[in-house]
């Protein structure tokens, strides 16, 4: 179940990302909480950010930290199953 607080938190954290990180999320078709929820939380998909073209180590770390924050918030608020830990490459 998606709550408004999840969406607002996602937007808040998304606004803190660098332009490159936001562009990479757009390339992955993750541009709102619903798409993040469907791809990462619901399907428990681990995204290998370092494998994406033009994603360096710093941007990958930024996206991993972002994803971990969103997943942790969703888990604590919605009681999701424990997801695989995102690897830091």
C-alpha atoms as a PDB file:
ATOM      1  CA  UNK A   1       0.000   0.000   0.000  1.00  0.00           C
ATOM      2  CA  UNK A   2       1.386   3.362  -1.030  1.00  0.00           C
ATOM      3  CA  UNK A   3       0.870   6.254   1.361  1.00  0.00           C
ATOM      4  CA  UNK A   4       1.063   9.970   0.613  1.00  0.00           C
ATOM      5  CA  UNK A   5       3.887  10.302   3.116  1.00  0.00           C
ATOM      6  CA  UNK A   6       5.950   7.837   1.063  1.00  0.00           C
ATOM      7  CA  UNK A   7       5.393   9.899  -2.072  1.00  0.00           C
ATOM      8  CA  UNK A   8       6.292  13.180  -0.344  1.00  0.00           C
ATOM      9  CA  UNK A   9       9.422  11.682   1.229  1.00  0.00           C
ATOM     10  CA  UNK A  10      10.465  10.312  -2.172  1.00  0.00           C
ATOM     11  CA  UNK A  11      10.024  13.734  -3.797  1.00  0.00           C
ATOM     12  CA  UNK A  12      11.955  15.430  -0.979  1.00  0.00           C
ATOM     13  CA  UNK A  13      14.890  13.032  -1.274  1.00  0.00           C
ATOM     14  CA  UNK A  14      14.763  13.116  -5.080  1.00  0.00           C
ATOM     15  CA  UNK A  15      15.145  16.900  -5.025  1.00  0.00           C
ATOM     16  CA  UNK A  16      18.446  16.475  -3.135  1.00  0.00           C
ATOM     17  CA  UNK A  17      20.017  14.306  -5.851  1.00  0.00           C
ATOM     18  CA  UNK A  18      22.510  15.615  -8.369  1.00  0.00           C
ATOM     19  CA  UNK A  19      21.358  16.231 -11.931  1.00  0.00           C
ATOM     20  CA  UNK A  20      23.309  13.209 -13.164  1.00  0.00           C
ATOM     21  CA  UNK A  21      21.650  10.941 -10.590  1.00  0.00           C
ATOM     22  CA  UNK A  22      18.190  12.243 -11.510  1.00  0.00           C
ATOM     23  CA  UNK A  23      18.921  11.710 -15.204  1.00  0.00           C
ATOM     24  CA  UNK A  24      19.990   8.123 -14.545  1.00  0.00           C
ATOM     25  CA  UNK A  25      16.751   7.465 -12.659  1.00  0.00           C
ATOM     26  CA  UNK A  26      14.857   8.937 -15.618  1.00  0.00           C
ATOM     27  CA  UNK A  27      16.748   6.564 -17.932  1.00  0.00           C
ATOM     28  CA  UNK A  28      15.551   3.687 -15.724  1.00  0.00           C
ATOM     29  CA  UNK A  29      11.984   5.037 -15.940  1.00  0.00           C
ATOM     30  CA  UNK A  30      12.027   5.793 -12.206  1.00  0.00           C
ATOM     31  CA  UNK A  31      10.688   9.315 -12.024  1.00  0.00           C
ATOM     32  CA  UNK A  32       8.118   9.044  -9.237  1.00  0.00           C
ATOM     33  CA  UNK A  33       7.433   7.002  -6.117  1.00  0.00           C
ATOM     34  CA  UNK A  34       5.035   4.647  -7.887  1.00  0.00           C
ATOM     35  CA  UNK A  35       7.638   3.592 -10.468  1.00  0.00           C
ATOM     36  CA  UNK A  36      10.252   3.170  -7.708  1.00  0.00           C
ATOM     37  CA  UNK A  37       7.753   1.156  -5.672  1.00  0.00           C
ATOM     38  CA  UNK A  38       6.879  -1.120  -8.608  1.00  0.00           C
ATOM     39  CA  UNK A  39      10.449  -1.685  -9.743  1.00  0.00           C
ATOM     40  CA  UNK A  40      12.394  -1.835  -6.493  1.00  0.00           C
ATOM     41  CA  UNK A  41      10.097  -2.429  -3.524  1.00  0.00           C
ATOM     42  CA  UNK A  42       7.299  -4.609  -4.897  1.00  0.00           C
ATOM     43  CA  UNK A  43       9.460  -6.690  -7.243  1.00  0.00           C
ATOM     44  CA  UNK A  44      12.464  -6.596  -4.896  1.00  0.00           C
ATOM     45  CA  UNK A  45      14.690  -5.762  -7.857  1.00  0.00           C
ATOM     46  CA  UNK A  46      18.275  -4.857  -7.056  1.00  0.00           C
ATOM     47  CA  UNK A  47      19.509  -2.245  -9.491  1.00  0.00           C
ATOM     48  CA  UNK A  48      23.202  -2.425 -10.294  1.00  0.00           C
ATOM     49  CA  UNK A  49      23.738   1.301 -10.704  1.00  0.00           C
ATOM     50  CA  UNK A  50      27.441   0.901 -11.542  1.00  0.00           C
ATOM     51  CA  UNK A  51      26.491  -1.142 -14.610  1.00  0.00           C
ATOM     52  CA  UNK A  52      24.504   1.760 -16.091  1.00  0.00           C
ATOM     53  CA  UNK A  53      26.209   3.822 -18.776  1.00  0.00           C
ATOM     54  CA  UNK A  54      27.587   7.147 -17.473  1.00  0.00           C
ATOM     55  CA  UNK A  55      27.161   6.136 -13.828  1.00  0.00           C
ATOM     56  CA  UNK A  56      30.396   6.595 -11.953  1.00  0.00           C
ATOM     57  CA  UNK A  57      31.241   5.478  -8.461  1.00  0.00           C
ATOM     58  CA  UNK A  58      30.142   8.736  -6.801  1.00  0.00           C
ATOM     59  CA  UNK A  59      26.759   8.784  -8.591  1.00  0.00           C
ATOM     60  CA  UNK A  60      26.222   5.088  -7.881  1.00  0.00           C
ATOM     61  CA  UNK A  61      26.893   5.687  -4.184  1.00  0.00           C
ATOM     62  CA  UNK A  62      24.464   8.611  -4.218  1.00  0.00           C
ATOM     63  CA  UNK A  63      21.742   6.479  -5.844  1.00  0.00           C
ATOM     64  CA  UNK A  64      22.334   3.548  -3.516  1.00  0.00           C
ATOM     65  CA  UNK A  65      22.025   5.814  -0.480  1.00  0.00           C
ATOM     66  CA  UNK A  66      18.844   7.334  -1.952  1.00  0.00           C
ATOM     67  CA  UNK A  67      17.354   3.881  -2.608  1.00  0.00           C
ATOM     68  CA  UNK A  68      18.224   2.643   0.866  1.00  0.00           C
ATOM     69  CA  UNK A  69      16.514   5.667   2.464  1.00  0.00           C
ATOM     70  CA  UNK A  70      13.341   5.163   0.420  1.00  0.00           C
ATOM     71  CA  UNK A  71      13.255   1.408   1.069  1.00  0.00           C
ATOM     72  CA  UNK A  72      13.868   1.879   4.814  1.00  0.00           C
ATOM     73  CA  UNK A  73      11.062   4.421   5.058  1.00  0.00           C
ATOM     74  CA  UNK A  74       8.690   2.194   3.098  1.00  0.00           C
ATOM     75  CA  UNK A  75       9.565  -0.802   5.240  1.00  0.00           C
ATOM     76  CA  UNK A  76       9.129   1.010   8.519  1.00  0.00           C
ATOM     77  CA  UNK A  77       5.838   2.614   7.504  1.00  0.00           C
ATOM     78  CA  UNK A  78       4.323  -0.257   5.545  1.00  0.00           C
ATOM     79  CA  UNK A  79       5.859  -3.337   7.149  1.00  0.00           C
ATOM     80  CA  UNK A  80       7.371  -4.769   3.933  1.00  0.00           C
ATOM     81  CA  UNK A  81       9.397  -7.958   3.794  1.00  0.00           C
ATOM     82  CA  UNK A  82      13.111  -7.505   4.285  1.00  0.00           C
ATOM     83  CA  UNK A  83      14.713  -6.760   0.926  1.00  0.00           C
ATOM     84  CA  UNK A  84      18.153  -7.719  -0.259  1.00  0.00           C
ATOM     85  CA  UNK A  85      20.771  -5.208   0.771  1.00  0.00           C
ATOM     86  CA  UNK A  86      21.875  -3.033  -2.116  1.00  0.00           C
ATOM     87  CA  UNK A  87      25.519  -3.682  -2.966  1.00  0.00           C
ATOM     88  CA  UNK A  88      27.994  -0.825  -3.036  1.00  0.00           C
ATOM     89  CA  UNK A  89      30.266  -1.255  -6.032  1.00  0.00           C
END
